[in-house]
Amino acid sequence: EFVLVSSGKRQNARGFIVVAVLWILAALS
């Protein structure tokens, strides 16, 4: 059984990761 992930969900995941990385960078700064 394959689970298909829509491109919208993948983009949301990437956006969440980017935001988290930015927060980490801001905290480190």
PDB file of all heavy atoms in Angstrom:
ATOM      1  N   GLU A   1       0.857  -1.205   0.000  1.00  0.00           N
ATOM      2  CA  GLU A   1       0.000   0.000   0.000  1.00  0.00           C
ATOM      3  C   GLU A   1       0.878   1.235   0.000  1.00  0.00           C
ATOM      4  O   GLU A   1       1.829   1.359   0.745  1.00  0.00           O
ATOM      5  CB  GLU A   1      -0.874   0.005   1.249  1.00  0.00           C
ATOM      6  CG  GLU A   1      -1.821   1.186   1.278  1.00  0.00           C
ATOM      7  CD  GLU A   1      -2.726   1.135   2.476  1.00  0.00           C
ATOM      8  OE1 GLU A   1      -2.624   0.149   3.238  1.00  0.00           O
ATOM      9  OE2 GLU A   1      -3.486   2.078   2.690  1.00  0.00           O
ATOM     10  N   PHE A   2       0.573   2.121  -0.871  1.00  0.00           N
ATOM     11  CA  PHE A   2       1.324   3.368  -0.980  1.00  0.00           C
ATOM     12  C   PHE A   2       0.487   4.510  -0.454  1.00  0.00           C
ATOM     13  O   PHE A   2      -0.713   4.562  -0.669  1.00  0.00           O
ATOM     14  CB  PHE A   2       1.667   3.658  -2.465  1.00  0.00           C
ATOM     15  CG  PHE A   2       2.597   2.631  -3.054  1.00  0.00           C
ATOM     16  CD1 PHE A   2       2.096   1.519  -3.747  1.00  0.00           C
ATOM     17  CD2 PHE A   2       3.972   2.780  -2.894  1.00  0.00           C
ATOM     18  CE1 PHE A   2       2.969   0.604  -4.274  1.00  0.00           C
ATOM     19  CE2 PHE A   2       4.813   1.836  -3.440  1.00  0.00           C
ATOM     20  CZ  PHE A   2       4.323   0.732  -4.132  1.00  0.00           C
ATOM     21  N   VAL A   3       1.191   5.393   0.235  1.00  0.00           N
ATOM     22  CA  VAL A   3       0.524   6.588   0.745  1.00  0.00           C
ATOM     23  C   VAL A   3       1.034   7.766  -0.033  1.00  0.00           C
ATOM     24  O   VAL A   3       2.251   8.025  -0.090  1.00  0.00           O
ATOM     25  CB  VAL A   3       0.830   6.793   2.246  1.00  0.00           C
ATOM     26  CG1 VAL A   3       0.170   8.078   2.735  1.00  0.00           C
ATOM     27  CG2 VAL A   3       0.334   5.604   3.050  1.00  0.00           C
ATOM     28  N   LEU A   4       0.158   8.409  -0.660  1.00  0.00           N
ATOM     29  CA  LEU A   4       0.529   9.548  -1.490  1.00  0.00           C
ATOM     30  C   LEU A   4       0.419  10.830  -0.675  1.00  0.00           C
ATOM     31  O   LEU A   4      -0.570  11.068  -0.001  1.00  0.00           O
ATOM     32  CB  LEU A   4      -0.395   9.624  -2.715  1.00  0.00           C
ATOM     33  CG  LEU A   4      -0.337   8.402  -3.655  1.00  0.00           C
ATOM     34  CD1 LEU A   4      -1.355   8.573  -4.796  1.00  0.00           C
ATOM     35  CD2 LEU A   4       1.073   8.240  -4.224  1.00  0.00           C
ATOM     36  N   VAL A   5       1.505  11.617  -0.745  1.00  0.00           N
ATOM     37  CA  VAL A   5       1.517  12.908  -0.056  1.00  0.00           C
ATOM     38  C   VAL A   5       1.413  13.984  -1.097  1.00  0.00           C
ATOM     39  O   VAL A   5       2.204  14.010  -2.061  1.00  0.00           O
ATOM     40  CB  VAL A   5       2.805  13.100   0.751  1.00  0.00           C
ATOM     41  CG1 VAL A   5       2.799  14.455   1.452  1.00  0.00           C
ATOM     42  CG2 VAL A   5       2.947  11.976   1.772  1.00  0.00           C
ATOM     43  N   SER A   6       0.445  14.794  -0.925  1.00  0.00           N
ATOM     44  CA  SER A   6       0.213  15.835  -1.920  1.00  0.00           C
ATOM     45  C   SER A   6       1.342  16.845  -1.911  1.00  0.00           C
ATOM     46  O   SER A   6       2.067  16.998  -0.919  1.00  0.00           O
ATOM     47  CB  SER A   6      -1.120  16.536  -1.638  1.00  0.00           C
ATOM     48  OG  SER A   6      -1.041  17.235  -0.422  1.00  0.00           O
ATOM     49  N   SER A   7       1.531  17.532  -3.011  1.00  0.00           N
ATOM     50  CA  SER A   7       2.592  18.552  -3.098  1.00  0.00           C
ATOM     51  C   SER A   7       2.336  19.681  -2.103  1.00  0.00           C
ATOM     52  O   SER A   7       3.263  20.271  -1.576  1.00  0.00           O
ATOM     53  CB  SER A   7       2.652  19.124  -4.526  1.00  0.00           C
ATOM     54  OG  SER A   7       1.391  19.721  -4.873  1.00  0.00           O
ATOM     55  N   GLY A   8       1.084  20.000  -1.786  1.00  0.00           N
ATOM     56  CA  GLY A   8       0.767  21.053  -0.819  1.00  0.00           C
ATOM     57  C   GLY A   8       1.274  20.700   0.568  1.00  0.00           C
ATOM     58  O   GLY A   8       1.823  21.522   1.286  1.00  0.00           O
ATOM     59  N   LYS A   9       1.091  19.437   0.946  1.00  0.00           N
ATOM     60  CA  LYS A   9       1.556  19.013   2.262  1.00  0.00           C
ATOM     61  C   LYS A   9       3.070  19.047   2.341  1.00  0.00           C
ATOM     62  O   LYS A   9       3.659  19.395   3.353  1.00  0.00           O
ATOM     63  CB  LYS A   9       1.033  17.614   2.583  1.00  0.00           C
ATOM     64  CG  LYS A   9      -0.471  17.585   2.826  1.00  0.00           C
ATOM     65  CD  LYS A   9      -0.920  16.197   3.214  1.00  0.00           C
ATOM     66  CE  LYS A   9      -2.424  16.170   3.519  1.00  0.00           C
ATOM     67  NZ  LYS A   9      -2.874  14.821   3.920  1.00  0.00           N
ATOM     68  N   ARG A  10       3.763  18.602   1.215  1.00  0.00           N
ATOM     69  CA  ARG A  10       5.222  18.644   1.201  1.00  0.00           C
ATOM     70  C   ARG A  10       5.718  20.079   1.347  1.00  0.00           C
ATOM     71  O   ARG A  10       6.693  20.356   2.044  1.00  0.00           O
ATOM     72  CB  ARG A  10       5.751  18.015  -0.090  1.00  0.00           C
ATOM     73  CG  ARG A  10       5.618  16.491  -0.116  1.00  0.00           C
ATOM     74  CD  ARG A  10       6.504  15.903  -1.199  1.00  0.00           C
ATOM     75  NE  ARG A  10       6.112  16.367  -2.526  1.00  0.00           N
ATOM     76  CZ  ARG A  10       5.203  15.739  -3.304  1.00  0.00           C
ATOM     77  NH1 ARG A  10       4.607  14.651  -2.863  1.00  0.00           N
ATOM     78  NH2 ARG A  10       4.904  16.216  -4.486  1.00  0.00           N
ATOM     79  N   GLN A  11       5.054  21.016   0.675  1.00  0.00           N
ATOM     80  CA  GLN A  11       5.452  22.415   0.783  1.00  0.00           C
ATOM     81  C   GLN A  11       5.254  22.945   2.216  1.00  0.00           C
ATOM     82  O   GLN A  11       6.073  23.699   2.738  1.00  0.00           O
ATOM     83  CB  GLN A  11       4.642  23.265  -0.199  1.00  0.00           C
ATOM     84  CG  GLN A  11       5.028  23.012  -1.655  1.00  0.00           C
ATOM     85  CD  GLN A  11       4.153  23.814  -2.598  1.00  0.00           C
ATOM     86  OE1 GLN A  11       3.198  24.453  -2.168  1.00  0.00           O
ATOM     87  NE2 GLN A  11       4.469  23.743  -3.894  1.00  0.00           N
ATOM     88  N   ASN A  12       4.164  22.511   2.858  1.00  0.00           N
ATOM     89  CA  ASN A  12       3.935  22.941   4.251  1.00  0.00           C
ATOM     90  C   ASN A  12       5.029  22.416   5.172  1.00  0.00           C
ATOM     91  O   ASN A  12       5.489  23.104   6.087  1.00  0.00           O
ATOM     92  CB  ASN A  12       2.577  22.450   4.742  1.00  0.00           C
ATOM     93  CG  ASN A  12       1.432  23.214   4.069  1.00  0.00           C
ATOM     94  OD1 ASN A  12       1.635  24.321   3.568  1.00  0.00           O
ATOM     95  ND2 ASN A  12       0.250  22.604   4.049  1.00  0.00           N
ATOM     96  N   ALA A  13       5.431  21.153   4.914  1.00  0.00           N
ATOM     97  CA  ALA A  13       6.494  20.565   5.745  1.00  0.00           C
ATOM     98  C   ALA A  13       7.793  21.323   5.564  1.00  0.00           C
ATOM     99  O   ALA A  13       8.508  21.611   6.515  1.00  0.00           O
ATOM    100  CB  ALA A  13       6.672  19.086   5.388  1.00  0.00           C
ATOM    101  N   ARG A  14       8.104  21.630   4.247  1.00  0.00           N
ATOM    102  CA  ARG A  14       9.340  22.390   4.004  1.00  0.00           C
ATOM    103  C   ARG A  14       9.268  23.760   4.685  1.00  0.00           C
ATOM    104  O   ARG A  14      10.241  24.247   5.252  1.00  0.00           O
ATOM    105  CB  ARG A  14       9.559  22.567   2.506  1.00  0.00           C
ATOM    106  CG  ARG A  14       9.859  21.278   1.761  1.00  0.00           C
ATOM    107  CD  ARG A  14      10.386  21.593   0.377  1.00  0.00           C
ATOM    108  NE  ARG A  14      10.371  20.432  -0.463  1.00  0.00           N
ATOM    109  CZ  ARG A  14       9.405  20.135  -1.349  1.00  0.00           C
ATOM    110  NH1 ARG A  14       8.372  20.956  -1.475  1.00  0.00           N
ATOM    111  NH2 ARG A  14       9.472  19.045  -2.080  1.00  0.00           N
ATOM    112  N   GLY A  15       8.103  24.395   4.605  1.00  0.00           N
ATOM    113  CA  GLY A  15       7.951  25.717   5.221  1.00  0.00           C
ATOM    114  C   GLY A  15       8.147  25.664   6.719  1.00  0.00           C
ATOM    115  O   GLY A  15       8.784  26.541   7.309  1.00  0.00           O
ATOM    116  N   PHE A  16       7.626  24.620   7.331  1.00  0.00           N
ATOM    117  CA  PHE A  16       7.793  24.481   8.771  1.00  0.00           C
ATOM    118  C   PHE A  16       9.258  24.322   9.131  1.00  0.00           C
ATOM    119  O   PHE A  16       9.760  24.919  10.097  1.00  0.00           O
ATOM    120  CB  PHE A  16       6.984  23.263   9.265  1.00  0.00           C
ATOM    121  CG  PHE A  16       7.221  22.952  10.719  1.00  0.00           C
ATOM    122  CD1 PHE A  16       6.587  23.689  11.714  1.00  0.00           C
ATOM    123  CD2 PHE A  16       8.087  21.930  11.090  1.00  0.00           C
ATOM    124  CE1 PHE A  16       6.817  23.403  13.050  1.00  0.00           C
ATOM    125  CE2 PHE A  16       8.315  21.650  12.425  1.00  0.00           C
ATOM    126  CZ  PHE A  16       7.673  22.387  13.402  1.00  0.00           C
ATOM    127  N   ILE A  17       9.994  23.509   8.354  1.00  0.00           N
ATOM    128  CA  ILE A  17      11.411  23.286   8.600  1.00  0.00           C
ATOM    129  C   ILE A  17      12.193  24.576   8.439  1.00  0.00           C
ATOM    130  O   ILE A  17      13.067  24.910   9.249  1.00  0.00           O
ATOM    131  CB  ILE A  17      11.961  22.201   7.649  1.00  0.00           C
ATOM    132  CG1 ILE A  17      11.314  20.841   7.990  1.00  0.00           C
ATOM    133  CG2 ILE A  17      13.479  22.117   7.745  1.00  0.00           C
ATOM    134  CD1 ILE A  17      11.642  19.754   6.989  1.00  0.00           C
ATOM    135  N   VAL A  18      11.877  25.338   7.387  1.00  0.00           N
ATOM    136  CA  VAL A  18      12.568  26.610   7.154  1.00  0.00           C
ATOM    137  C   VAL A  18      12.342  27.575   8.315  1.00  0.00           C
ATOM    138  O   VAL A  18      13.270  28.219   8.814  1.00  0.00           O
ATOM    139  CB  VAL A  18      12.108  27.244   5.829  1.00  0.00           C
ATOM    140  CG1 VAL A  18      12.631  28.682   5.710  1.00  0.00           C
ATOM    141  CG2 VAL A  18      12.582  26.413   4.655  1.00  0.00           C
ATOM    142  N   VAL A  19      11.095  27.667   8.770  1.00  0.00           N
ATOM    143  CA  VAL A  19      10.782  28.556   9.885  1.00  0.00           C
ATOM    144  C   VAL A  19      11.529  28.120  11.144  1.00  0.00           C
ATOM    145  O   VAL A  19      12.088  28.947  11.881  1.00  0.00           O
ATOM    146  CB  VAL A  19       9.266  28.582  10.151  1.00  0.00           C
ATOM    147  CG1 VAL A  19       8.960  29.316  11.455  1.00  0.00           C
ATOM    148  CG2 VAL A  19       8.544  29.255   8.995  1.00  0.00           C
ATOM    149  N   ALA A  20      11.574  26.805  11.384  1.00  0.00           N
ATOM    150  CA  ALA A  20      12.280  26.302  12.562  1.00  0.00           C
ATOM    151  C   ALA A  20      13.763  26.630  12.484  1.00  0.00           C
ATOM    152  O   ALA A  20      14.380  27.047  13.478  1.00  0.00           O
ATOM    153  CB  ALA A  20      12.072  24.789  12.686  1.00  0.00           C
ATOM    154  N   VAL A  21      14.340  26.451  11.287  1.00  0.00           N
ATOM    155  CA  VAL A  21      15.763  26.760  11.113  1.00  0.00           C
ATOM    156  C   VAL A  21      16.018  28.246  11.345  1.00  0.00           C
ATOM    157  O   VAL A  21      17.002  28.640  11.989  1.00  0.00           O
ATOM    158  CB  VAL A  21      16.244  26.337   9.717  1.00  0.00           C
ATOM    159  CG1 VAL A  21      17.651  26.880   9.434  1.00  0.00           C
ATOM    160  CG2 VAL A  21      16.243  24.823   9.594  1.00  0.00           C
ATOM    161  N   LEU A  22      15.130  29.093  10.821  1.00  0.00           N
ATOM    162  CA  LEU A  22      15.285  30.535  11.013  1.00  0.00           C
ATOM    163  C   LEU A  22      15.217  30.902  12.491  1.00  0.00           C
ATOM    164  O   LEU A  22      15.976  31.755  12.966  1.00  0.00           O
ATOM    165  CB  LEU A  22      14.220  31.291  10.219  1.00  0.00           C
ATOM    166  CG  LEU A  22      14.364  31.254   8.689  1.00  0.00           C
ATOM    167  CD1 LEU A  22      13.193  31.953   8.026  1.00  0.00           C
ATOM    168  CD2 LEU A  22      15.678  31.921   8.276  1.00  0.00           C
ATOM    169  N   TRP A  23      14.292  30.291  13.222  1.00  0.00           N
ATOM    170  CA  TRP A  23      14.196  30.557  14.663  1.00  0.00           C
ATOM    171  C   TRP A  23      15.476  30.140  15.394  1.00  0.00           C
ATOM    172  O   TRP A  23      15.967  30.830  16.281  1.00  0.00           O
ATOM    173  CB  TRP A  23      12.999  29.815  15.263  1.00  0.00           C
ATOM    174  CG  TRP A  23      11.704  30.577  15.149  1.00  0.00           C
ATOM    175  CD1 TRP A  23      10.660  30.337  14.311  1.00  0.00           C
ATOM    176  CD2 TRP A  23      11.348  31.723  15.921  1.00  0.00           C
ATOM    177  NE1 TRP A  23       9.672  31.252  14.488  1.00  0.00           N
ATOM    178  CE2 TRP A  23      10.049  32.129  15.478  1.00  0.00           C
ATOM    179  CE3 TRP A  23      11.980  32.448  16.922  1.00  0.00           C
ATOM    180  CZ2 TRP A  23       9.387  33.222  16.005  1.00  0.00           C
ATOM    181  CZ3 TRP A  23      11.324  33.541  17.454  1.00  0.00           C
ATOM    182  CH2 TRP A  23      10.048  33.932  17.002  1.00  0.00           C
ATOM    183  N   ILE A  24      16.018  28.988  14.982  1.00  0.00           N
ATOM    184  CA  ILE A  24      17.260  28.518  15.606  1.00  0.00           C
ATOM    185  C   ILE A  24      18.405  29.482  15.318  1.00  0.00           C
ATOM    186  O   ILE A  24      19.194  29.833  16.194  1.00  0.00           O
ATOM    187  CB  ILE A  24      17.597  27.103  15.113  1.00  0.00           C
ATOM    188  CG1 ILE A  24      16.546  26.100  15.639  1.00  0.00           C
ATOM    189  CG2 ILE A  24      19.002  26.687  15.561  1.00  0.00           C
ATOM    190  CD1 ILE A  24      16.681  24.715  15.059  1.00  0.00           C
ATOM    191  N   LEU A  25      18.472  29.933  14.047  1.00  0.00           N
ATOM    192  CA  LEU A  25      19.521  30.880  13.677  1.00  0.00           C
ATOM    193  C   LEU A  25      19.374  32.196  14.448  1.00  0.00           C
ATOM    194  O   LEU A  25      20.362  32.798  14.896  1.00  0.00           O
ATOM    195  CB  LEU A  25      19.489  31.143  12.176  1.00  0.00           C
ATOM    196  CG  LEU A  25      19.926  29.969  11.284  1.00  0.00           C
ATOM    197  CD1 LEU A  25      19.730  30.327   9.808  1.00  0.00           C
ATOM    198  CD2 LEU A  25      21.384  29.612  11.553  1.00  0.00           C
ATOM    199  N   ALA A  26      18.129  32.658  14.596  1.00  0.00           N
ATOM    200  CA  ALA A  26      17.889  33.888  15.343  1.00  0.00           C
ATOM    201  C   ALA A  26      18.306  33.736  16.800  1.00  0.00           C
ATOM    202  O   ALA A  26      18.914  34.639  17.397  1.00  0.00           O
ATOM    203  CB  ALA A  26      16.419  34.283  15.254  1.00  0.00           C
ATOM    204  N   ALA A  27      17.980  32.562  17.372  1.00  0.00           N
ATOM    205  CA  ALA A  27      18.359  32.312  18.764  1.00  0.00           C
ATOM    206  C   ALA A  27      19.876  32.270  18.915  1.00  0.00           C
ATOM    207  O   ALA A  27      20.441  32.826  19.870  1.00  0.00           O
ATOM    208  CB  ALA A  27      17.738  31.004  19.254  1.00  0.00           C
ATOM    209  N   LEU A  28      20.531  31.608  17.947  1.00  0.00           N
ATOM    210  CA  LEU A  28      21.991  31.558  18.001  1.00  0.00           C
ATOM    211  C   LEU A  28      22.594  32.948  17.854  1.00  0.00           C
ATOM    212  O   LEU A  28      23.567  33.296  18.526  1.00  0.00           O
ATOM    213  CB  LEU A  28      22.518  30.640  16.893  1.00  0.00           C
ATOM    214  CG  LEU A  28      22.264  29.141  17.086  1.00  0.00           C
ATOM    215  CD1 LEU A  28      22.705  28.360  15.863  1.00  0.00           C
ATOM    216  CD2 LEU A  28      23.006  28.631  18.323  1.00  0.00           C
ATOM    217  N   SER A  29      22.008  33.768  16.976  1.00  0.00           N
ATOM    218  CA  SER A  29      22.504  35.136  16.803  1.00  0.00           C
ATOM    219  C   SER A  29      22.358  35.930  18.089  1.00  0.00           C
ATOM    220  O   SER A  29      23.248  36.690  18.478  1.00  0.00           O
ATOM    221  CB  SER A  29      21.744  35.833  15.664  1.00  0.00           C
ATOM    222  OG  SER A  29      21.960  35.158  14.439  1.00  0.00           O
TER     223      SER A  29
END
